[in-house]
């Protein structure tokens, strides 16, 4: 009798062993272990890249293109521009992005840049966006300290106030102050409209619409 009971217990144990092993929960792999999948990498560790090109169609000067490339990882912001401060002039920037708010949001990126080419200097600046519902106020401003000729130091700014009736388009007002090309207006003001699809946006800006020959700026932006 005892031998029969022992055999029954032994058979039950052997039969239940594999089943128990199959039902054991899998141990998750920590994200920072060598075997973690790249898809599991936290968003703060991933790079995001954007690129834009603005074509300036000028009434009294040669047209030109102003490209910009930016890269962000977490709070870190890197940026490179050309034909922004002056013709045949580049600038390289580093800064940090900070944001606050839920219903009313504010995102600010203070930066410092090195300017080289036809104009050389150092430029502190910022990019900022204030948003509430369908309204957005965007501004990018810098002050270029010209190291070759201090009298040529100047303030540059570009600001947009827009409303987005739908996610795919926006319209609004734009102002800028620039020394890249000569204009009879110290502050140029105008109208803008933009349409977006997936990662791309096309924009059109009309500066000094009341002038006999206004300035047109067409832009293409890509974000990834």
Protein backbone atom coordinates (compact mmCIF):
# COMPACT_ATOMS: atom_id res chain seq x y z
CA UNK A 1 0.00 0.00 0.00
CA UNK A 2 2.76 2.44 0.92
CA UNK A 3 4.64 1.55 -2.28
CA UNK A 4 1.52 2.29 -4.37
CA UNK A 5 1.05 5.72 -2.72
CA UNK A 6 4.73 6.59 -3.27
CA UNK A 7 4.47 5.66 -6.96
CA UNK A 8 1.34 7.81 -7.39
CA UNK A 9 3.06 10.81 -5.75
CA UNK A 10 6.16 10.33 -7.90
CA UNK A 11 4.14 10.16 -11.13
CA UNK A 12 2.16 13.27 -10.18
CA UNK A 13 5.35 15.19 -9.45
CA UNK A 14 6.90 14.24 -12.78
CA UNK A 15 3.73 15.14 -14.66
CA UNK A 16 3.35 18.52 -12.94
CA UNK A 17 6.98 19.67 -13.29
CA UNK A 18 6.98 20.73 -16.97
CA UNK A 19 3.54 22.34 -16.65
CA UNK A 20 4.69 24.46 -13.74
CA UNK A 21 7.74 25.53 -15.67
CA UNK A 22 5.63 26.57 -18.66
CA UNK A 23 3.32 28.66 -16.51
CA UNK A 24 6.15 30.59 -14.83
CA UNK A 25 6.07 34.31 -15.78
CA UNK A 26 8.83 35.56 -18.05
CA UNK A 27 11.38 37.89 -16.46
CA UNK A 28 11.38 41.26 -18.30
CA UNK A 29 14.68 42.48 -19.74
CA UNK A 30 15.64 45.89 -18.34
CA UNK A 31 15.85 48.63 -20.98
CA UNK A 32 19.46 49.41 -20.14
CA UNK A 33 20.74 45.82 -20.53
CA UNK A 34 22.81 44.84 -23.61
CA UNK A 35 19.99 42.58 -24.82
CA UNK A 36 17.32 45.29 -24.81
CA UNK A 37 15.70 46.05 -28.16
CA UNK A 38 16.37 49.52 -29.71
CA UNK A 39 12.60 49.92 -30.02
CA UNK A 40 12.42 49.94 -26.22
CA UNK A 41 14.82 52.90 -25.95
CA UNK A 42 13.22 55.74 -23.98
CA UNK A 43 12.02 58.68 -26.08
CA UNK A 44 14.36 61.03 -24.19
CA UNK A 45 17.33 59.07 -25.59
CA UNK A 46 16.19 59.22 -29.24
CA UNK A 47 17.20 61.93 -31.71
CA UNK A 48 14.62 63.97 -33.63
CA UNK A 49 15.70 65.89 -36.71
CA UNK A 50 14.12 68.75 -38.64
CA UNK A 51 15.17 70.58 -41.79
CA UNK A 52 13.78 73.63 -43.56
CA UNK A 53 14.56 75.75 -46.61
CA UNK A 54 13.14 79.23 -47.19
CA UNK A 55 13.34 80.85 -50.62
CA UNK A 56 13.40 84.66 -50.53
CA UNK A 57 11.96 86.29 -53.66
CA UNK A 58 13.10 89.91 -53.41
CA UNK A 59 11.91 92.92 -55.43
CA UNK A 60 15.27 94.75 -55.64
CA UNK A 61 17.93 92.08 -55.03
CA UNK A 62 18.93 88.59 -56.06
CA UNK A 63 16.79 85.77 -54.73
CA UNK A 64 18.39 83.33 -52.30
CA UNK A 65 17.69 80.22 -50.21
CA UNK A 66 18.09 80.01 -46.43
CA UNK A 67 18.43 76.39 -45.14
CA UNK A 68 18.35 75.29 -41.48
CA UNK A 69 18.93 71.86 -39.92
CA UNK A 70 18.19 71.09 -36.24
CA UNK A 71 18.59 68.00 -34.05
CA UNK A 72 17.11 67.38 -30.59
CA UNK A 73 17.75 64.70 -27.99
CA UNK A 74 15.97 65.13 -24.68
CA UNK A 75 16.55 68.74 -23.66
CA UNK A 76 19.64 69.15 -25.91
CA UNK A 77 19.15 71.28 -29.05
CA UNK A 78 21.67 71.60 -31.91
CA UNK A 79 21.17 73.76 -34.98
CA UNK A 80 22.98 74.89 -38.13
CA UNK A 81 21.95 77.77 -40.40
CA UNK A 82 23.17 79.30 -43.66
CA UNK A 83 22.34 82.67 -45.24
CA UNK A 84 20.51 83.52 -42.02
CA UNK A 85 22.62 86.32 -40.52
CA UNK A 86 24.18 87.36 -43.85
CA UNK A 87 24.82 86.08 -47.37
CA UNK A 88 27.40 83.29 -47.57
CA UNK A 89 27.42 83.12 -43.77
CA UNK A 90 26.85 80.09 -41.58
CA UNK A 91 26.08 79.72 -37.90
CA UNK A 92 26.24 76.78 -35.47
CA UNK A 93 24.09 76.70 -32.33
CA UNK A 94 23.74 74.77 -29.09
CA UNK A 95 21.02 75.17 -26.49
CA UNK A 96 18.44 73.49 -24.32
CA UNK A 97 14.65 73.17 -24.62
CA UNK A 98 12.34 73.61 -21.64
CA UNK A 99 8.53 73.49 -21.57
CA UNK A 100 5.79 74.21 -19.05
CA UNK A 101 1.99 74.22 -18.95
CA UNK A 102 -0.86 72.00 -20.05
CA UNK A 103 -3.78 74.13 -21.31
CA UNK A 104 -1.50 77.09 -22.03
CA UNK A 105 1.90 75.76 -23.09
CA UNK A 106 5.25 77.51 -23.31
CA UNK A 107 8.35 75.99 -24.88
CA UNK A 108 11.60 77.98 -24.76
CA UNK A 109 15.00 77.14 -26.24
CA UNK A 110 17.79 79.52 -25.16
CA UNK A 111 20.86 79.13 -27.40
CA UNK A 112 24.34 80.44 -28.11
CA UNK A 113 25.76 80.48 -31.62
CA UNK A 114 29.00 81.06 -33.53
CA UNK A 115 28.66 83.05 -36.78
CA UNK A 116 31.24 82.69 -39.57
CA UNK A 117 31.59 83.79 -43.20
CA UNK A 118 30.89 87.28 -44.54
CA UNK A 119 29.85 88.11 -40.97
CA UNK A 120 31.78 86.71 -38.00
CA UNK A 121 30.71 86.91 -34.40
CA UNK A 122 28.94 85.42 -31.42
CA UNK A 123 25.15 85.38 -31.11
CA UNK A 124 23.00 84.64 -28.08
CA UNK A 125 19.39 83.92 -28.98
CA UNK A 126 16.27 81.92 -28.34
CA UNK A 127 13.33 80.15 -29.96
CA UNK A 128 9.98 80.15 -28.16
CA UNK A 129 6.42 78.99 -28.77
CA UNK A 130 3.39 80.01 -26.70
CA UNK A 131 0.27 77.99 -27.44
CA UNK A 132 -3.37 78.04 -26.37
CA UNK A 133 -5.96 75.93 -28.19
CA UNK A 134 -5.73 76.83 -31.89
CA UNK A 135 -3.58 79.93 -31.31
CA UNK A 136 0.22 79.93 -31.40
CA UNK A 137 2.81 82.67 -31.00
CA UNK A 138 6.24 81.68 -32.28
CA UNK A 139 9.38 83.81 -32.09
CA UNK A 140 13.06 83.34 -32.88
CA UNK A 141 15.43 86.16 -31.98
CA UNK A 142 19.18 86.64 -31.82
CA UNK A 143 21.67 89.46 -31.31
CA UNK A 144 24.83 89.17 -33.38
CA UNK A 145 27.95 90.64 -31.77
CA UNK A 146 30.14 91.28 -34.82
CA UNK A 147 33.73 90.53 -33.78
CA UNK A 148 35.23 92.11 -36.91
CA UNK A 149 33.35 95.42 -36.70
CA UNK A 150 31.37 96.13 -33.54
CA UNK A 151 29.33 98.82 -35.32
CA UNK A 152 27.83 96.10 -37.52
CA UNK A 153 26.31 94.21 -34.57
CA UNK A 154 22.55 93.87 -34.98
CA UNK A 155 19.31 92.33 -33.72
CA UNK A 156 17.44 89.80 -35.87
CA UNK A 157 13.92 88.58 -35.12
CA UNK A 158 11.17 86.58 -36.82
CA UNK A 159 7.76 86.14 -35.17
CA UNK A 160 4.47 84.54 -36.20
CA UNK A 161 1.01 84.74 -34.66
CA UNK A 162 -1.15 82.01 -36.19
CA UNK A 163 -4.47 80.25 -35.79
CA UNK A 164 -5.08 76.64 -36.89
CA UNK A 165 -8.75 76.05 -37.79
CA UNK A 166 -7.72 72.46 -38.61
CA UNK A 167 -4.64 70.38 -37.87
CA UNK A 168 -3.45 70.51 -41.47
CA UNK A 169 -3.37 74.27 -42.07
CA UNK A 170 -2.73 77.58 -40.30
CA UNK A 171 -2.91 81.26 -41.18
CA UNK A 172 -1.72 84.40 -39.45
CA UNK A 173 0.59 87.39 -39.24
CA UNK A 174 4.39 87.55 -39.48
CA UNK A 175 7.02 90.19 -38.72
CA UNK A 176 10.79 90.18 -39.15
CA UNK A 177 13.83 92.39 -38.79
CA UNK A 178 16.80 91.40 -40.92
CA UNK A 179 20.02 92.77 -42.42
CA UNK A 180 20.58 90.00 -44.95
CA UNK A 181 19.07 92.21 -47.67
CA UNK A 182 18.28 95.92 -47.90
CA UNK A 183 14.71 97.08 -47.41
CA UNK A 184 13.04 100.42 -46.87
CA UNK A 185 11.30 98.96 -43.81
CA UNK A 186 13.23 98.47 -40.58
CA UNK A 187 10.49 96.09 -39.40
CA UNK A 188 8.81 94.08 -42.15
CA UNK A 189 5.31 92.83 -41.53
CA UNK A 190 2.99 90.64 -43.52
CA UNK A 191 0.69 87.66 -43.87
CA UNK A 192 1.42 83.94 -43.86
CA UNK A 193 -0.32 80.63 -44.55
CA UNK A 194 0.84 77.04 -44.17
CA UNK A 195 -0.42 73.57 -45.03
CA UNK A 196 1.00 70.35 -43.59
CA UNK A 197 0.85 66.66 -44.46
CA UNK A 198 2.48 63.97 -42.35
CA UNK A 199 6.05 65.19 -41.66
CA UNK A 200 6.06 68.08 -44.16
CA UNK A 201 4.77 71.66 -44.15
CA UNK A 202 4.62 74.22 -46.96
CA UNK A 203 4.41 77.89 -46.00
CA UNK A 204 4.03 81.15 -47.88
CA UNK A 205 4.82 84.59 -46.43
CA UNK A 206 3.99 87.94 -48.00
CA UNK A 207 5.97 90.81 -46.47
CA UNK A 208 5.04 94.46 -46.98
CA UNK A 209 1.83 93.68 -48.90
CA UNK A 210 1.05 97.39 -49.21
CA UNK A 211 4.33 98.08 -51.03
CA UNK A 212 4.45 98.35 -54.80
CA UNK A 213 6.68 95.25 -54.91
CA UNK A 214 6.30 93.06 -51.81
CA UNK A 215 8.73 90.39 -50.65
CA UNK A 216 7.65 86.73 -50.92
CA UNK A 217 9.14 83.94 -48.82
CA UNK A 218 8.29 80.31 -49.59
CA UNK A 219 9.23 77.60 -47.11
CA UNK A 220 9.41 73.82 -46.92
CA UNK A 221 9.91 72.11 -43.55
CA UNK A 222 10.41 68.42 -42.71
CA UNK A 223 10.31 66.88 -39.21
CA UNK A 224 11.38 63.37 -38.17
